[in-house]
């Protein structure tokens, strides 16, 4: 088995790397506990838009900037 992997590595390293990466990704996807933070990018948009609107989104702006 090890000799076949070494032979494949010597002859075709890219397909071997891709297969190894796919197996790792598949194992990670199977054992993942959830999506994680899939909507984090909206936090950046909310903060920027509230700054433009001079509003307090989640109380993150200093009080002087929110009253303009």
N, C-alpha and C. Protein backbone atom coordinates (compact mmCIF):
# COMPACT_ATOMS: atom_id res chain seq x y z
N UNK A 1 0.83 -1.20 0.00
CA UNK A 1 0.00 0.00 0.00
C UNK A 1 0.87 1.26 0.00
N UNK A 2 1.85 1.30 0.88
CA UNK A 2 2.74 2.46 0.97
C UNK A 2 3.54 2.60 -0.33
N UNK A 3 3.98 1.50 -0.88
CA UNK A 3 4.76 1.57 -2.12
C UNK A 3 3.91 2.09 -3.28
N UNK A 4 2.63 1.73 -3.30
CA UNK A 4 1.74 2.23 -4.36
C UNK A 4 1.53 3.74 -4.21
N UNK A 5 1.38 4.22 -2.97
CA UNK A 5 1.23 5.66 -2.74
C UNK A 5 2.49 6.39 -3.17
N UNK A 6 3.65 5.86 -2.84
CA UNK A 6 4.91 6.48 -3.26
C UNK A 6 5.06 6.49 -4.77
N UNK A 7 4.65 5.41 -5.41
CA UNK A 7 4.73 5.34 -6.87
C UNK A 7 3.77 6.37 -7.50
N UNK A 8 2.57 6.48 -6.95
CA UNK A 8 1.63 7.48 -7.45
C UNK A 8 2.16 8.88 -7.21
N UNK A 9 2.78 9.10 -6.05
CA UNK A 9 3.35 10.41 -5.74
C UNK A 9 4.45 10.78 -6.75
N UNK A 10 5.26 9.82 -7.10
CA UNK A 10 6.34 10.07 -8.06
C UNK A 10 5.80 10.32 -9.47
N UNK A 11 4.75 9.59 -9.86
CA UNK A 11 4.25 9.68 -11.24
C UNK A 11 3.17 10.75 -11.42
N UNK A 12 2.29 10.89 -10.48
CA UNK A 12 1.14 11.80 -10.59
C UNK A 12 0.87 12.50 -9.26
N UNK A 13 1.69 13.46 -8.88
CA UNK A 13 1.52 14.08 -7.56
C UNK A 13 0.25 14.94 -7.45
N UNK A 14 -0.13 15.66 -8.50
CA UNK A 14 -1.30 16.54 -8.40
C UNK A 14 -2.60 15.78 -8.14
N UNK A 15 -2.91 14.73 -8.89
CA UNK A 15 -4.14 13.98 -8.57
C UNK A 15 -4.12 13.39 -7.16
N UNK A 16 -2.97 12.96 -6.69
CA UNK A 16 -2.88 12.42 -5.34
C UNK A 16 -3.16 13.50 -4.30
N UNK A 17 -2.60 14.69 -4.51
CA UNK A 17 -2.85 15.80 -3.59
C UNK A 17 -4.33 16.17 -3.59
N UNK A 18 -4.94 16.21 -4.77
CA UNK A 18 -6.36 16.55 -4.87
C UNK A 18 -7.25 15.51 -4.18
N UNK A 19 -6.92 14.25 -4.34
CA UNK A 19 -7.70 13.19 -3.68
C UNK A 19 -7.54 13.28 -2.17
N UNK A 20 -6.31 13.51 -1.70
CA UNK A 20 -6.09 13.64 -0.26
C UNK A 20 -6.83 14.84 0.31
N UNK A 21 -6.83 15.95 -0.42
CA UNK A 21 -7.55 17.15 0.02
C UNK A 21 -9.05 16.90 0.04
N UNK A 22 -9.57 16.20 -0.97
CA UNK A 22 -11.00 15.90 -1.02
C UNK A 22 -11.41 14.99 0.14
N UNK A 23 -10.59 14.04 0.46
CA UNK A 23 -10.89 13.14 1.59
C UNK A 23 -10.90 13.93 2.89
N UNK A 24 -9.92 14.80 3.09
CA UNK A 24 -9.89 15.63 4.30
C UNK A 24 -11.11 16.52 4.39
N UNK A 25 -11.49 17.13 3.28
CA UNK A 25 -12.67 18.02 3.26
C UNK A 25 -13.95 17.25 3.52
N UNK A 26 -14.05 16.05 2.98
CA UNK A 26 -15.22 15.21 3.20
C UNK A 26 -15.34 14.82 4.67
N UNK A 27 -14.23 14.43 5.27
CA UNK A 27 -14.24 14.08 6.70
C UNK A 27 -14.63 15.29 7.53
N UNK A 28 -14.10 16.46 7.19
CA UNK A 28 -14.44 17.69 7.92
C UNK A 28 -15.92 18.02 7.77
N UNK A 29 -16.46 17.83 6.58
CA UNK A 29 -17.88 18.13 6.35
C UNK A 29 -18.79 17.15 7.09
N UNK A 30 -18.39 15.91 7.16
CA UNK A 30 -19.20 14.90 7.84
C UNK A 30 -19.24 15.15 9.34
N UNK A 31 -18.10 15.52 9.92
CA UNK A 31 -18.04 15.70 11.36
C UNK A 31 -18.25 17.14 11.82
N UNK A 32 -18.60 18.03 10.91
CA UNK A 32 -18.87 19.42 11.28
C UNK A 32 -20.13 19.48 12.14
N UNK A 33 -20.15 20.39 13.09
CA UNK A 33 -21.29 20.50 14.01
C UNK A 33 -22.34 21.49 13.54
N UNK A 34 -22.10 22.19 12.48
CA UNK A 34 -23.07 23.16 12.00
C UNK A 34 -22.45 24.13 11.03
N UNK A 35 -23.21 25.14 10.70
CA UNK A 35 -22.78 26.11 9.72
C UNK A 35 -21.75 27.09 10.28
N UNK A 36 -21.69 27.25 11.55
CA UNK A 36 -20.80 28.25 12.11
C UNK A 36 -21.45 29.61 12.01
N UNK A 37 -20.71 30.61 11.59
CA UNK A 37 -21.23 31.96 11.49
C UNK A 37 -21.38 32.31 10.02
N UNK A 38 -22.41 31.81 9.38
CA UNK A 38 -22.56 32.01 7.95
C UNK A 38 -23.10 33.39 7.60
N UNK A 39 -23.55 34.17 8.56
CA UNK A 39 -24.09 35.49 8.25
C UNK A 39 -23.24 36.62 8.84
N UNK A 40 -22.00 36.37 9.13
CA UNK A 40 -21.13 37.40 9.70
C UNK A 40 -20.95 38.59 8.78
N UNK A 41 -21.02 38.39 7.49
CA UNK A 41 -20.79 39.50 6.57
C UNK A 41 -21.87 40.57 6.70
N UNK A 42 -23.05 40.23 7.21
CA UNK A 42 -24.09 41.22 7.39
C UNK A 42 -23.76 42.20 8.52
N UNK A 43 -22.96 41.78 9.47
CA UNK A 43 -22.59 42.67 10.57
C UNK A 43 -21.80 43.87 10.05
N UNK A 44 -20.95 43.66 9.09
CA UNK A 44 -20.17 44.75 8.51
C UNK A 44 -21.09 45.71 7.77
N UNK A 45 -22.04 45.17 7.03
CA UNK A 45 -22.96 46.01 6.26
C UNK A 45 -23.87 46.81 7.19
N UNK A 46 -24.38 46.18 8.25
CA UNK A 46 -25.24 46.89 9.20
C UNK A 46 -24.52 48.06 9.85
N UNK A 47 -23.31 47.84 10.28
CA UNK A 47 -22.55 48.89 10.95
C UNK A 47 -22.27 50.05 10.00
N UNK A 48 -21.86 49.74 8.79
CA UNK A 48 -21.57 50.81 7.83
C UNK A 48 -22.83 51.59 7.47
N UNK A 49 -23.94 50.91 7.28
CA UNK A 49 -25.18 51.60 6.92
C UNK A 49 -25.69 52.44 8.07
N UNK A 50 -25.57 51.96 9.30
CA UNK A 50 -26.03 52.76 10.43
C UNK A 50 -25.15 53.99 10.61
N UNK A 51 -23.88 53.89 10.25
CA UNK A 51 -23.00 55.05 10.30
C UNK A 51 -23.45 56.09 9.28
N UNK A 52 -23.80 55.65 8.08
CA UNK A 52 -24.28 56.56 7.04
C UNK A 52 -25.60 57.19 7.46
N UNK A 53 -26.49 56.41 8.09
CA UNK A 53 -27.80 56.90 8.52
C UNK A 53 -27.74 57.69 9.81
N UNK A 54 -26.57 57.80 10.42
CA UNK A 54 -26.40 58.44 11.73
C UNK A 54 -27.32 57.80 12.76
N UNK A 55 -27.39 56.50 12.77
CA UNK A 55 -28.22 55.77 13.72
C UNK A 55 -27.34 54.90 14.60
N UNK A 56 -27.90 54.41 15.67
CA UNK A 56 -27.17 53.55 16.58
C UNK A 56 -27.55 52.09 16.29
N UNK A 57 -26.69 51.37 15.65
CA UNK A 57 -26.90 49.94 15.44
C UNK A 57 -26.14 49.20 16.52
N UNK A 58 -26.84 48.58 17.41
CA UNK A 58 -26.24 47.80 18.50
C UNK A 58 -25.36 48.66 19.41
N UNK A 59 -25.65 49.93 19.47
CA UNK A 59 -24.94 50.87 20.35
C UNK A 59 -23.43 50.87 20.12
N UNK A 60 -23.00 50.79 18.87
CA UNK A 60 -21.56 50.73 18.61
C UNK A 60 -20.95 52.08 18.28
N UNK A 61 -21.77 53.07 17.87
CA UNK A 61 -21.22 54.38 17.56
C UNK A 61 -21.03 55.20 18.84
N UNK A 62 -20.01 56.05 18.88
CA UNK A 62 -19.90 56.98 19.98
C UNK A 62 -21.10 57.93 19.96
N UNK A 63 -21.52 58.39 21.10
CA UNK A 63 -22.76 59.17 21.19
C UNK A 63 -22.70 60.45 20.39
N UNK A 64 -21.55 61.09 20.25
CA UNK A 64 -21.44 62.31 19.47
C UNK A 64 -21.69 62.12 17.99
N UNK A 65 -21.33 60.96 17.44
CA UNK A 65 -21.52 60.72 16.02
C UNK A 65 -22.94 60.35 15.68
N UNK A 66 -23.67 59.78 16.61
CA UNK A 66 -25.01 59.31 16.33
C UNK A 66 -26.02 60.44 16.32
N UNK A 67 -25.68 61.62 16.86
CA UNK A 67 -26.66 62.71 16.97
C UNK A 67 -26.58 63.70 15.81
N UNK A 68 -25.76 63.48 14.82
CA UNK A 68 -25.62 64.42 13.71
C UNK A 68 -26.78 64.32 12.78
